[in-house]
Amino acid sequence: MDPIPLPYSHHLSAAQGWLELGTAAEAANELAAIKPPWDKHPAVLEISWGVNAKLKNWERCVALANELIADFPEHEAGWIHRSYALHELQRTREALEMLAECSARFPRSTTIPYNLACYHAQLAQLDAARDWLEKAFARSEDPKVLKVQALQDPDLKLLHAEIQKKPR
């Protein structure tokens, strides 16, 4: 996709900055200044997803992720974001099924197998969770950092003792 032209690229940068500062309302104001067709650019949709996630507007997050998937299926973010939002809506089984469908499409992703491990663990499917977590570690550029993340992740709490024991 083409880069976003001025002045919309400035609004997008400002929105990202406000979001990083934790000010979702200001980020949303900046996004509102981006006019069609640029409001459907994947970078804009991703920041919009982030704004809605900050506001815990998970239904809107699912809708934005579905837009990303429909228009930009080659971007793994849409797939990841949709399942994360579904998980936050307590629809973890659906999150798992939808993310598993695309796992082969992104064979180098670390996030997809990691999230699948989390969803399996939340559903008490620990063997599958272990398998997906091992795939995430195998794909990770820095397994030590991933281990720290996994040990802090409440979704993987049932596996924390095992994760701690494994050298990385």
N, C-alpha and C. Protein backbone atom coordinates (compact mmCIF):
# COMPACT_ATOMS: atom_id res chain seq x y z
N MET A 1 0.84 -1.18 0.00
CA MET A 1 0.00 0.00 0.00
C MET A 1 0.88 1.24 0.00
N ASP A 2 0.39 2.29 -0.62
CA ASP A 2 1.12 3.54 -0.71
C ASP A 2 1.29 4.19 0.66
N PRO A 3 2.37 4.96 0.81
CA PRO A 3 2.52 5.71 2.06
C PRO A 3 1.42 6.75 2.19
N ILE A 4 1.07 7.07 3.40
CA ILE A 4 0.03 8.07 3.66
C ILE A 4 0.61 9.46 3.39
N PRO A 5 -0.08 10.26 2.58
CA PRO A 5 0.45 11.59 2.25
C PRO A 5 0.23 12.60 3.38
N LEU A 6 0.95 13.71 3.27
CA LEU A 6 0.72 14.83 4.17
C LEU A 6 -0.65 15.42 3.89
N PRO A 7 -1.35 15.96 4.80
CA PRO A 7 -1.05 16.10 6.23
C PRO A 7 -1.47 14.88 7.03
N TYR A 8 -2.07 13.89 6.36
CA TYR A 8 -2.60 12.73 7.08
C TYR A 8 -1.52 11.93 7.80
N SER A 9 -0.32 11.88 7.21
CA SER A 9 0.76 11.15 7.87
C SER A 9 1.13 11.82 9.20
N HIS A 10 1.01 13.14 9.27
CA HIS A 10 1.28 13.83 10.54
C HIS A 10 0.22 13.48 11.58
N HIS A 11 -1.03 13.41 11.14
CA HIS A 11 -2.10 13.03 12.07
C HIS A 11 -1.89 11.61 12.58
N LEU A 12 -1.45 10.73 11.69
CA LEU A 12 -1.20 9.34 12.10
C LEU A 12 -0.06 9.28 13.11
N SER A 13 1.02 10.02 12.86
CA SER A 13 2.14 10.05 13.81
C SER A 13 1.71 10.62 15.15
N ALA A 14 0.91 11.67 15.10
CA ALA A 14 0.42 12.27 16.34
C ALA A 14 -0.47 11.28 17.09
N ALA A 15 -1.33 10.58 16.36
CA ALA A 15 -2.20 9.58 17.00
C ALA A 15 -1.38 8.50 17.67
N GLN A 16 -0.34 8.04 17.00
CA GLN A 16 0.51 7.02 17.58
C GLN A 16 1.20 7.55 18.84
N GLY A 17 1.67 8.77 18.78
CA GLY A 17 2.30 9.38 19.95
C GLY A 17 1.35 9.50 21.13
N TRP A 18 0.13 9.97 20.86
CA TRP A 18 -0.86 10.09 21.93
C TRP A 18 -1.19 8.71 22.51
N LEU A 19 -1.29 7.72 21.64
CA LEU A 19 -1.60 6.37 22.11
C LEU A 19 -0.47 5.85 23.01
N GLU A 20 0.77 6.09 22.59
CA GLU A 20 1.92 5.65 23.40
C GLU A 20 1.94 6.36 24.75
N LEU A 21 1.43 7.57 24.79
CA LEU A 21 1.34 8.31 26.06
C LEU A 21 0.12 7.89 26.89
N GLY A 22 -0.72 7.02 26.31
CA GLY A 22 -1.89 6.54 27.03
C GLY A 22 -3.10 7.45 26.95
N THR A 23 -3.10 8.35 25.99
CA THR A 23 -4.19 9.30 25.84
C THR A 23 -5.02 8.93 24.61
N ALA A 24 -5.92 7.99 24.80
CA ALA A 24 -6.70 7.46 23.69
C ALA A 24 -7.60 8.51 23.06
N ALA A 25 -8.17 9.40 23.85
CA ALA A 25 -9.08 10.42 23.30
C ALA A 25 -8.35 11.34 22.34
N GLU A 26 -7.15 11.77 22.69
CA GLU A 26 -6.38 12.63 21.78
C GLU A 26 -5.97 11.87 20.52
N ALA A 27 -5.61 10.60 20.69
CA ALA A 27 -5.27 9.78 19.53
C ALA A 27 -6.47 9.65 18.60
N ALA A 28 -7.65 9.44 19.17
CA ALA A 28 -8.87 9.33 18.35
C ALA A 28 -9.14 10.63 17.61
N ASN A 29 -8.90 11.77 18.25
CA ASN A 29 -9.09 13.06 17.58
C ASN A 29 -8.18 13.20 16.37
N GLU A 30 -6.95 12.77 16.51
CA GLU A 30 -6.01 12.83 15.38
C GLU A 30 -6.45 11.90 14.25
N LEU A 31 -6.90 10.71 14.60
CA LEU A 31 -7.37 9.76 13.59
C LEU A 31 -8.59 10.30 12.84
N ALA A 32 -9.44 11.03 13.55
CA ALA A 32 -10.66 11.58 12.94
C ALA A 32 -10.32 12.59 11.84
N ALA A 33 -9.14 13.15 11.87
CA ALA A 33 -8.73 14.12 10.86
C ALA A 33 -8.24 13.46 9.57
N ILE A 34 -8.09 12.16 9.58
CA ILE A 34 -7.62 11.43 8.38
C ILE A 34 -8.83 11.08 7.53
N LYS A 35 -8.85 11.58 6.32
CA LYS A 35 -10.01 11.46 5.43
C LYS A 35 -9.85 10.29 4.47
N PRO A 36 -11.01 9.82 3.92
CA PRO A 36 -10.96 8.74 2.93
C PRO A 36 -10.12 9.14 1.72
N PRO A 37 -9.47 8.19 1.11
CA PRO A 37 -9.43 6.76 1.41
C PRO A 37 -8.39 6.39 2.45
N TRP A 38 -7.65 7.38 2.94
CA TRP A 38 -6.52 7.10 3.83
C TRP A 38 -6.94 6.59 5.20
N ASP A 39 -8.19 6.79 5.56
CA ASP A 39 -8.67 6.28 6.85
C ASP A 39 -8.78 4.77 6.88
N LYS A 40 -8.65 4.14 5.71
CA LYS A 40 -8.69 2.67 5.62
C LYS A 40 -7.31 2.07 5.39
N HIS A 41 -6.28 2.89 5.48
CA HIS A 41 -4.91 2.41 5.35
C HIS A 41 -4.62 1.47 6.52
N PRO A 42 -3.84 0.40 6.31
CA PRO A 42 -3.60 -0.54 7.42
C PRO A 42 -2.96 0.10 8.64
N ALA A 43 -2.09 1.07 8.45
CA ALA A 43 -1.47 1.73 9.60
C ALA A 43 -2.51 2.51 10.41
N VAL A 44 -3.46 3.11 9.72
CA VAL A 44 -4.52 3.86 10.42
C VAL A 44 -5.44 2.89 11.15
N LEU A 45 -5.80 1.79 10.49
CA LEU A 45 -6.66 0.79 11.13
C LEU A 45 -5.99 0.19 12.37
N GLU A 46 -4.67 -0.02 12.29
CA GLU A 46 -3.96 -0.59 13.45
C GLU A 46 -3.94 0.38 14.63
N ILE A 47 -3.69 1.66 14.36
CA ILE A 47 -3.70 2.64 15.45
C ILE A 47 -5.12 2.77 16.01
N SER A 48 -6.09 2.74 15.13
CA SER A 48 -7.48 2.79 15.59
C SER A 48 -7.79 1.59 16.48
N TRP A 49 -7.29 0.42 16.09
CA TRP A 49 -7.45 -0.77 16.93
C TRP A 49 -6.83 -0.51 18.30
N GLY A 50 -5.63 0.06 18.30
CA GLY A 50 -4.94 0.34 19.56
C GLY A 50 -5.72 1.30 20.45
N VAL A 51 -6.32 2.31 19.84
CA VAL A 51 -7.13 3.27 20.59
C VAL A 51 -8.31 2.55 21.23
N ASN A 52 -8.98 1.72 20.45
CA ASN A 52 -10.15 1.01 20.97
C ASN A 52 -9.76 -0.04 22.00
N ALA A 53 -8.59 -0.64 21.84
CA ALA A 53 -8.12 -1.59 22.85
C ALA A 53 -7.83 -0.86 24.17
N LYS A 54 -7.23 0.31 24.08
CA LYS A 54 -6.96 1.10 25.28
C LYS A 54 -8.26 1.43 26.01
N LEU A 55 -9.32 1.67 25.22
CA LEU A 55 -10.63 1.98 25.78
C LEU A 55 -11.43 0.72 26.14
N LYS A 56 -10.83 -0.43 25.87
CA LYS A 56 -11.47 -1.74 26.12
C LYS A 56 -12.79 -1.88 25.35
N ASN A 57 -12.82 -1.31 24.17
CA ASN A 57 -13.96 -1.42 23.27
C ASN A 57 -13.70 -2.62 22.35
N TRP A 58 -13.82 -3.81 22.91
CA TRP A 58 -13.39 -5.02 22.23
C TRP A 58 -14.25 -5.37 21.02
N GLU A 59 -15.53 -5.08 21.05
CA GLU A 59 -16.38 -5.34 19.87
C GLU A 59 -15.89 -4.51 18.69
N ARG A 60 -15.57 -3.24 18.93
CA ARG A 60 -15.04 -2.38 17.87
C ARG A 60 -13.69 -2.90 17.40
N CYS A 61 -12.89 -3.41 18.33
CA CYS A 61 -11.59 -3.99 17.96
C CYS A 61 -11.77 -5.18 17.01
N VAL A 62 -12.76 -6.02 17.28
CA VAL A 62 -13.02 -7.15 16.39
C VAL A 62 -13.39 -6.63 14.99
N ALA A 63 -14.25 -5.62 14.94
CA ALA A 63 -14.66 -5.06 13.64
C ALA A 63 -13.47 -4.47 12.88
N LEU A 64 -12.62 -3.74 13.57
CA LEU A 64 -11.44 -3.16 12.91
C LEU A 64 -10.49 -4.25 12.43
N ALA A 65 -10.29 -5.27 13.24
CA ALA A 65 -9.43 -6.38 12.83
C ALA A 65 -10.02 -7.11 11.64
N ASN A 66 -11.33 -7.27 11.61
CA ASN A 66 -11.97 -7.90 10.44
C ASN A 66 -11.75 -7.07 9.19
N GLU A 67 -11.77 -5.74 9.32
CA GLU A 67 -11.46 -4.87 8.17
C GLU A 67 -10.03 -5.10 7.70
N LEU A 68 -9.10 -5.16 8.64
CA LEU A 68 -7.71 -5.41 8.29
C LEU A 68 -7.55 -6.74 7.56
N ILE A 69 -8.20 -7.77 8.06
CA ILE A 69 -8.10 -9.09 7.46
C ILE A 69 -8.71 -9.10 6.06
N ALA A 70 -9.86 -8.48 5.91
CA ALA A 70 -10.54 -8.46 4.60
C ALA A 70 -9.73 -7.71 3.56
N ASP A 71 -9.18 -6.56 3.95
CA ASP A 71 -8.49 -5.71 2.98
C ASP A 71 -7.00 -5.97 2.87
N PHE A 72 -6.39 -6.51 3.94
CA PHE A 72 -4.94 -6.72 3.96
C PHE A 72 -4.62 -8.07 4.60
N PRO A 73 -5.07 -9.16 3.98
CA PRO A 73 -4.90 -10.48 4.60
C PRO A 73 -3.44 -10.90 4.77
N GLU A 74 -2.53 -10.23 4.07
CA GLU A 74 -1.12 -10.57 4.19
C GLU A 74 -0.47 -9.96 5.43
N HIS A 75 -1.18 -9.08 6.13
CA HIS A 75 -0.68 -8.49 7.37
C HIS A 75 -1.15 -9.34 8.55
N GLU A 76 -0.22 -9.90 9.26
CA GLU A 76 -0.59 -10.78 10.37
C GLU A 76 -1.28 -10.03 11.51
N ALA A 77 -1.08 -8.73 11.61
CA ALA A 77 -1.63 -7.96 12.72
C ALA A 77 -3.15 -8.10 12.82
N GLY A 78 -3.84 -8.07 11.70
CA GLY A 78 -5.30 -8.19 11.74
C GLY A 78 -5.74 -9.49 12.38
N TRP A 79 -5.09 -10.55 11.99
CA TRP A 79 -5.42 -11.88 12.53
C TRP A 79 -5.15 -11.94 14.03
N ILE A 80 -4.00 -11.41 14.43
CA ILE A 80 -3.62 -11.41 15.84
C ILE A 80 -4.57 -10.53 16.65
N HIS A 81 -4.84 -9.34 16.13
CA HIS A 81 -5.71 -8.40 16.84
C HIS A 81 -7.13 -8.94 17.02
N ARG A 82 -7.64 -9.59 15.97
CA ARG A 82 -9.00 -10.12 16.08
C ARG A 82 -9.08 -11.17 17.19
N SER A 83 -8.14 -12.09 17.21
CA SER A 83 -8.18 -13.13 18.23
C SER A 83 -7.96 -12.58 19.62
N TYR A 84 -7.08 -11.60 19.74
CA TYR A 84 -6.86 -10.99 21.05
C TYR A 84 -8.15 -10.35 21.56
N ALA A 85 -8.84 -9.62 20.69
CA ALA A 85 -10.09 -8.97 21.10
C ALA A 85 -11.15 -10.01 21.46
N LEU A 86 -11.23 -11.08 20.69
CA LEU A 86 -12.18 -12.15 21.02
C LEU A 86 -11.86 -12.76 22.38
N HIS A 87 -10.58 -12.96 22.64
CA HIS A 87 -10.16 -13.50 23.94
C HIS A 87 -10.58 -12.55 25.07
N GLU A 88 -10.41 -11.25 24.85
CA GLU A 88 -10.81 -10.27 25.86
C GLU A 88 -12.32 -10.26 26.07
N LEU A 89 -13.06 -10.67 25.05
CA LEU A 89 -14.52 -10.77 25.15
C LEU A 89 -14.96 -12.11 25.75
N GLN A 90 -13.98 -12.86 26.28
CA GLN A 90 -14.25 -14.18 26.86
C GLN A 90 -14.71 -15.19 25.81
N ARG A 91 -14.28 -14.99 24.59
CA ARG A 91 -14.59 -15.90 23.48
C ARG A 91 -13.29 -16.58 23.04
N THR A 92 -12.61 -17.17 24.02
CA THR A 92 -11.27 -17.71 23.81
C THR A 92 -11.27 -18.87 22.82
N ARG A 93 -12.25 -19.73 22.88
CA ARG A 93 -12.29 -20.86 21.93
C ARG A 93 -12.37 -20.33 20.49
N GLU A 94 -13.21 -19.34 20.27
CA GLU A 94 -13.33 -18.72 18.95
C GLU A 94 -12.01 -18.04 18.55
N ALA A 95 -11.38 -17.37 19.50
CA ALA A 95 -10.10 -16.72 19.24
C ALA A 95 -9.07 -17.74 18.79
N LEU A 96 -9.02 -18.86 19.50
CA LEU A 96 -8.09 -19.92 19.17
C LEU A 96 -8.36 -20.48 17.78
N GLU A 97 -9.60 -20.81 17.49
CA GLU A 97 -9.95 -21.40 16.20
C GLU A 97 -9.60 -20.46 15.04
N MET A 98 -9.92 -19.19 15.19
CA MET A 98 -9.66 -18.24 14.11
C MET A 98 -8.17 -17.99 13.91
N LEU A 99 -7.41 -17.94 15.00
CA LEU A 99 -5.97 -17.74 14.85
C LEU A 99 -5.28 -18.99 14.32
N ALA A 100 -5.75 -20.16 14.73
CA ALA A 100 -5.17 -21.41 14.23
C ALA A 100 -5.35 -21.53 12.72
N GLU A 101 -6.46 -21.02 12.21
CA GLU A 101 -6.73 -21.08 10.76
C GLU A 101 -5.65 -20.39 9.95
N CYS A 102 -5.04 -19.36 10.49
CA CYS A 102 -4.06 -18.59 9.72
C CYS A 102 -2.62 -18.91 10.10
N SER A 103 -2.39 -19.82 11.02
CA SER A 103 -1.03 -20.04 11.52
C SER A 103 -0.06 -20.47 10.42
N ALA A 104 -0.51 -21.27 9.48
CA ALA A 104 0.37 -21.71 8.39
C ALA A 104 0.69 -20.57 7.43
N ARG A 105 -0.16 -19.58 7.38
CA ARG A 105 0.04 -18.44 6.49
C ARG A 105 1.23 -17.58 6.91
N PHE A 106 1.58 -17.63 8.20
CA PHE A 106 2.66 -16.80 8.75
C PHE A 106 3.68 -17.69 9.46
N PRO A 107 4.45 -18.47 8.69
CA PRO A 107 5.33 -19.48 9.29
C PRO A 107 6.49 -18.93 10.11
N ARG A 108 6.79 -17.64 10.02
CA ARG A 108 7.89 -17.08 10.80
C ARG A 108 7.41 -16.26 12.00
N SER A 109 6.11 -16.15 12.15
CA SER A 109 5.56 -15.38 13.26
C SER A 109 5.87 -16.04 14.59
N THR A 110 6.28 -15.24 15.54
CA THR A 110 6.42 -15.70 16.91
C THR A 110 5.14 -15.45 17.69
N THR A 111 4.46 -14.35 17.37
CA THR A 111 3.27 -13.95 18.12
C THR A 111 2.12 -14.92 17.95
N ILE A 112 1.92 -15.43 16.74
CA ILE A 112 0.78 -16.33 16.51
C ILE A 112 0.92 -17.60 17.35
N PRO A 113 2.04 -18.33 17.30
CA PRO A 113 2.11 -19.52 18.16
C PRO A 113 2.10 -19.18 19.65
N TYR A 114 2.68 -18.05 20.01
CA TYR A 114 2.64 -17.63 21.42
C TYR A 114 1.20 -17.42 21.87
N ASN A 115 0.44 -16.69 21.09
CA ASN A 115 -0.96 -16.44 21.46
C ASN A 115 -1.77 -17.73 21.45
N LEU A 116 -1.49 -18.61 20.49
CA LEU A 116 -2.19 -19.90 20.48
C LEU A 116 -1.87 -20.70 21.75
N ALA A 117 -0.63 -20.61 22.21
CA ALA A 117 -0.26 -21.28 23.47
C ALA A 117 -1.08 -20.69 24.62
N CYS A 118 -1.21 -19.38 24.64
CA CYS A 118 -1.99 -18.73 25.71
C CYS A 118 -3.44 -19.19 25.68
N TYR A 119 -4.04 -19.21 24.49
CA TYR A 119 -5.45 -19.58 24.39
C TYR A 119 -5.66 -21.03 24.78
N HIS A 120 -4.76 -21.92 24.34
CA HIS A 120 -4.87 -23.33 24.74
C HIS A 120 -4.72 -23.46 26.26
N ALA A 121 -3.79 -22.72 26.84
CA ALA A 121 -3.61 -22.80 28.29
C ALA A 121 -4.86 -22.33 29.02
N GLN A 122 -5.48 -21.28 28.52
CA GLN A 122 -6.70 -20.78 29.15
C GLN A 122 -7.85 -21.77 29.04
N LEU A 123 -7.80 -22.62 28.04
CA LEU A 123 -8.83 -23.65 27.87
C LEU A 123 -8.40 -24.98 28.51
N ALA A 124 -7.31 -24.93 29.29
CA ALA A 124 -6.77 -26.10 30.00
C ALA A 124 -6.37 -27.21 29.04
N GLN A 125 -5.95 -26.84 27.85
CA GLN A 125 -5.42 -27.79 26.86
C GLN A 125 -3.90 -27.66 26.90
N LEU A 126 -3.31 -28.21 27.96
CA LEU A 126 -1.92 -27.92 28.26
C LEU A 126 -0.93 -28.56 27.30
N ASP A 127 -1.23 -29.74 26.77
CA ASP A 127 -0.31 -30.34 25.79
C ASP A 127 -0.22 -29.47 24.54
N ALA A 128 -1.35 -29.01 24.05
CA ALA A 128 -1.35 -28.14 22.87
C ALA A 128 -0.67 -26.81 23.22
N ALA A 129 -0.90 -26.30 24.41
CA ALA A 129 -0.26 -25.05 24.83
C ALA A 129 1.26 -25.21 24.82
N ARG A 130 1.75 -26.32 25.34
CA ARG A 130 3.20 -26.57 25.35
C ARG A 130 3.75 -26.63 23.94
N ASP A 131 3.04 -27.33 23.05
CA ASP A 131 3.50 -27.45 21.65
C ASP A 131 3.60 -26.08 20.98
N TRP A 132 2.57 -25.27 21.14
CA TRP A 132 2.59 -23.94 20.52
C TRP A 132 3.65 -23.05 21.15
N LEU A 133 3.84 -23.17 22.44
CA LEU A 133 4.86 -22.35 23.10
C LEU A 133 6.25 -22.74 22.61
N GLU A 134 6.48 -24.01 22.40
CA GLU A 134 7.77 -24.46 21.85
C GLU A 134 7.99 -23.89 20.45
N LYS A 135 6.93 -23.85 19.64
CA LYS A 135 7.04 -23.25 18.30
C LYS A 135 7.39 -21.77 18.41
N ALA A 136 6.78 -21.09 19.36
CA ALA A 136 7.08 -19.67 19.56
C ALA A 136 8.55 -19.49 19.94
N PHE A 137 9.04 -20.31 20.87
CA PHE A 137 10.45 -20.21 21.27
C PHE A 137 11.37 -20.52 20.10
N ALA A 138 11.03 -21.50 19.28
CA ALA A 138 11.86 -21.86 18.13
C ALA A 138 11.94 -20.73 17.12
N ARG A 139 10.89 -19.93 17.01
CA ARG A 139 10.85 -18.83 16.04
C ARG A 139 11.38 -17.52 16.60
N SER A 140 11.52 -17.45 17.89
CA SER A 140 11.89 -16.20 18.54
C SER A 140 13.33 -15.80 18.24
N GLU A 141 13.53 -14.51 18.01
CA GLU A 141 14.87 -13.97 17.82
C GLU A 141 15.62 -13.91 19.15
N ASP A 142 14.89 -13.83 20.25
CA ASP A 142 15.50 -13.76 21.56
C ASP A 142 14.68 -14.58 22.56
N PRO A 143 14.94 -15.89 22.63
CA PRO A 143 14.16 -16.75 23.52
C PRO A 143 14.21 -16.35 24.99
N LYS A 144 15.29 -15.72 25.43
CA LYS A 144 15.37 -15.29 26.83
C LYS A 144 14.33 -14.20 27.12
N VAL A 145 14.17 -13.29 26.21
CA VAL A 145 13.17 -12.23 26.38
C VAL A 145 11.76 -12.85 26.35
N LEU A 146 11.56 -13.79 25.44
CA LEU A 146 10.26 -14.46 25.36
C LEU A 146 9.97 -15.24 26.64
N LYS A 147 10.99 -15.84 27.22
CA LYS A 147 10.79 -16.58 28.47
C LYS A 147 10.33 -15.64 29.59
N VAL A 148 10.95 -14.47 29.69
CA VAL A 148 10.54 -13.49 30.69
C VAL A 148 9.08 -13.09 30.46
N GLN A 149 8.74 -12.84 29.21
CA GLN A 149 7.36 -12.48 28.87
C GLN A 149 6.40 -13.58 29.28
N ALA A 150 6.73 -14.82 28.94
CA ALA A 150 5.86 -15.96 29.24
C ALA A 150 5.69 -16.13 30.75
N LEU A 151 6.75 -15.90 31.50
CA LEU A 151 6.66 -16.05 32.95
C LEU A 151 5.84 -14.94 33.61
N GLN A 152 5.65 -13.84 32.91
CA GLN A 152 4.83 -12.74 33.43
C GLN A 152 3.40 -12.78 32.90
N ASP A 153 3.14 -13.67 31.97
CA ASP A 153 1.83 -13.71 31.30
C ASP A 153 0.84 -14.52 32.12
N PRO A 154 -0.22 -13.89 32.62
CA PRO A 154 -1.20 -14.63 33.42
C PRO A 154 -1.92 -15.72 32.62
N ASP A 155 -1.99 -15.57 31.31
CA ASP A 155 -2.63 -16.60 30.49
C ASP A 155 -1.86 -17.92 30.52
N LEU A 156 -0.57 -17.85 30.80
CA LEU A 156 0.27 -19.05 30.83
C LEU A 156 0.58 -19.52 32.25
N LYS A 157 -0.18 -19.03 33.22
CA LYS A 157 0.10 -19.32 34.62
C LYS A 157 0.23 -20.82 34.90
N LEU A 158 -0.59 -21.63 34.27
CA LEU A 158 -0.54 -23.08 34.50
C LEU A 158 0.77 -23.71 34.02
N LEU A 159 1.51 -22.99 33.20
CA LEU A 159 2.79 -23.52 32.68
C LEU A 159 4.01 -22.82 33.26
N HIS A 160 3.80 -21.86 34.15
CA HIS A 160 4.93 -21.07 34.66
C HIS A 160 6.03 -21.93 35.26
N ALA A 161 5.69 -22.94 36.04
CA ALA A 161 6.72 -23.77 36.68
C ALA A 161 7.56 -24.49 35.62
N GLU A 162 6.91 -24.99 34.59
CA GLU A 162 7.64 -25.67 33.49
C GLU A 162 8.51 -24.71 32.71
N ILE A 163 7.99 -23.56 32.42
CA ILE A 163 8.73 -22.55 31.66
C ILE A 163 9.97 -22.14 32.44
N GLN A 164 9.82 -21.95 33.75
CA GLN A 164 10.93 -21.54 34.61
C GLN A 164 12.07 -22.55 34.56
N LYS A 165 11.74 -23.83 34.54
CA LYS A 165 12.75 -24.89 34.59
C LYS A 165 13.58 -25.01 33.31
N LYS A 166 12.98 -24.64 32.19
CA LYS A 166 13.65 -24.84 30.90
C LYS A 166 14.71 -23.78 30.67
N PRO A 167 15.92 -24.23 30.31
CA PRO A 167 16.95 -23.24 29.99
C PRO A 167 16.63 -22.60 28.64
N ARG A 168 16.85 -21.33 28.54
CA ARG A 168 16.64 -20.61 27.26
C ARG A 168 17.81 -19.72 27.01
